[in-house]
Protein backbone atom coordinates (compact mmCIF):
# COMPACT_ATOMS: atom_id res chain seq x y z
CA GLN A 1 -0.07 0.06 0.01
CA VAL A 2 1.37 3.72 -0.91
CA ASN A 3 0.96 6.18 1.53
CA PRO A 4 -0.96 9.38 0.26
CA VAL A 5 0.86 12.65 -0.10
CA ILE A 6 -0.79 14.98 2.10
CA THR A 7 -0.88 18.36 1.00
CA LYS A 8 -2.43 21.54 2.81
CA ALA A 9 -4.12 23.99 0.64
CA VAL A 10 -2.33 27.13 0.56
CA ASN A 11 -4.05 30.40 -0.13
CA TRP A 12 -1.55 32.83 -1.75
CA LYS A 13 -3.81 35.48 -1.55
CA GLN A 14 -3.51 35.94 2.38
CA PRO A 15 -1.94 39.27 3.30
CA SER A 16 1.45 38.72 4.49
CA LYS A 17 3.56 40.71 6.86
CA LEU A 18 5.94 43.16 5.34
CA TYR A 19 9.47 42.78 6.31
CA TYR A 20 10.07 45.75 7.41
CA ASN A 21 7.48 47.39 10.08
CA ARG A 22 7.51 50.50 8.21
CA ALA A 23 8.18 51.74 4.81
CA THR A 24 11.63 52.89 3.91
CA ALA A 25 12.83 55.66 2.07
CA PRO A 26 13.41 55.59 -1.85
CA ASP A 27 16.86 55.28 -2.92
CA LEU A 28 17.74 59.14 -4.36
CA LEU A 29 21.11 58.01 -6.17
CA LEU A 30 22.75 60.38 -3.86
CA GLU A 31 26.67 60.17 -4.13
CA GLU A 32 28.52 59.69 -0.62
CA LYS A 33 29.93 62.93 0.68
CA ASN A 34 33.40 61.35 0.88
CA ASP A 35 33.81 60.72 -2.46
CA GLN A 36 33.19 64.28 -3.71
CA SER A 37 35.02 65.84 -0.93
CA PHE A 38 38.19 64.90 -1.65
CA ARG A 39 38.26 66.72 -5.58
CA SER A 40 41.02 68.75 -6.62
CA PHE A 41 41.24 70.74 -10.02
CA SER A 42 44.74 72.10 -11.57
CA ALA A 43 44.57 75.16 -13.73
CA THR A 44 46.72 73.57 -16.27
CA ASN A 45 43.97 70.93 -17.45
CA ILE A 46 40.57 71.37 -19.38
CA TYR A 47 38.21 69.34 -17.73
CA GLU A 48 34.97 67.47 -19.03
CA TRP A 49 31.45 68.63 -18.20
CA ASN A 50 28.69 66.02 -18.81
CA ILE A 51 25.31 66.09 -16.91
CA ASP A 52 23.90 63.37 -18.81
CA GLY A 53 21.64 61.03 -16.52
CA LEU A 54 22.20 63.08 -13.17
CA THR A 55 20.04 63.93 -10.53
CA GLU A 56 19.55 67.43 -9.87
CA TYR A 57 21.42 67.22 -6.37
CA ASN A 58 24.46 65.84 -8.78
CA ILE A 59 24.07 68.59 -11.55
CA LEU A 60 24.32 71.18 -8.60
CA SER A 61 27.64 69.26 -7.41
CA THR A 62 28.79 69.50 -10.96
CA LEU A 63 28.27 73.63 -11.17
CA GLN A 64 29.99 73.70 -7.64
CA HIS A 65 33.16 71.85 -9.39
CA MET A 66 32.63 74.43 -12.42
CA THR A 67 33.26 77.20 -9.98
CA MET A 68 36.23 75.70 -8.52
CA VAL A 69 37.74 75.20 -11.74
CA SER A 70 37.35 78.81 -12.71
CA THR A 71 38.62 79.88 -9.34
CA ALA A 72 41.74 77.93 -10.17
CA TYR A 73 41.95 79.34 -13.54
CA GLN A 74 41.27 82.81 -12.23
CA THR A 75 44.18 82.68 -9.45
CA ALA A 76 46.74 80.60 -11.00
CA LEU A 77 46.77 81.90 -14.56
CA ASP A 78 45.33 85.42 -13.72
CA SER A 79 42.71 84.71 -16.49
CA THR A 80 40.01 86.98 -17.66
CA ASP A 81 36.29 86.17 -17.20
CA ASP A 82 36.00 85.67 -20.87
CA ALA A 83 38.86 83.42 -21.44
CA ILE A 84 37.60 81.05 -18.55
CA VAL A 85 34.24 81.00 -20.00
CA GLU A 86 35.59 79.61 -23.13
CA ILE A 87 37.61 77.18 -21.17
CA LEU A 88 34.61 75.72 -19.48
CA THR A 89 32.43 75.74 -22.32
CA SER A 90 34.85 73.72 -24.55
CA GLY A 91 34.48 70.84 -21.84
CA PHE A 92 30.93 70.53 -22.42
CA SER A 93 30.03 67.22 -23.57
CA GLY A 94 26.67 65.06 -24.14
CA GLN A 95 23.39 66.67 -24.10
CA LEU A 96 24.94 70.10 -22.49
CA LYS A 97 27.26 70.51 -25.48
CA GLY A 98 24.16 69.63 -27.69
CA TRP A 99 22.33 72.38 -25.91
CA TRP A 100 25.16 74.91 -26.05
CA ASP A 101 26.08 74.27 -29.68
CA ASN A 102 22.63 73.99 -31.08
CA TYR A 103 19.81 75.21 -28.77
CA VAL A 104 20.86 78.30 -27.62
CA SER A 105 21.03 81.31 -29.92
CA GLU A 106 23.92 83.61 -30.01
CA GLU A 107 21.82 86.28 -28.45
CA GLU A 108 20.92 84.16 -25.41
CA LYS A 109 24.67 83.01 -25.26
CA HIS A 110 25.50 86.75 -25.06
CA GLU A 111 22.97 87.18 -22.34
CA ILE A 112 24.17 84.30 -20.34
CA LEU A 113 27.90 85.49 -20.78
CA THR A 114 27.15 88.87 -19.48
CA ALA A 115 24.55 88.18 -17.01
CA VAL A 116 25.57 89.86 -13.49
CA LYS A 117 24.42 89.42 -10.01
CA THR A 118 22.33 92.34 -8.70
CA ASP A 119 20.79 92.72 -5.13
CA ALA A 120 17.29 93.34 -4.28
CA GLU A 121 17.87 97.10 -5.25
CA GLY A 122 19.28 96.28 -8.53
CA ASN A 123 22.84 97.29 -7.64
CA ILE A 124 25.67 95.05 -9.29
CA ILE A 125 27.28 92.91 -6.77
CA THR A 126 30.91 92.73 -7.37
CA THR A 127 33.64 90.94 -5.99
CA VAL A 128 36.60 92.45 -4.30
CA LYS A 129 40.35 91.21 -5.63
CA VAL A 130 42.98 90.99 -3.02
């Protein structure tokens, strides 16, 4: 005589308890601070600037890096603002290069390149060179 196989009916539609008792935060793809805090830039190099696929946070970090590079160019080479802009824009790649070369008109480029920071009363804010 063969013993019958005993199976329990499993109801797969029963709600199950989540592993975590509360919902976890979504992965925001933020880079670790340690990776970005040790960046250094040389005034003798031209850097590539590519923002393809980056989050808003990482794009802002790239803008900060561009500011650091421009400061390095200005202090080490005593470059003019126009020369620094030319060096920075020559490093554009990907969508940023396509946007700058094909989408932005010459008039808009001029407006971007000649923009100045103003205070609430409209006075131009200048930096003091020591």
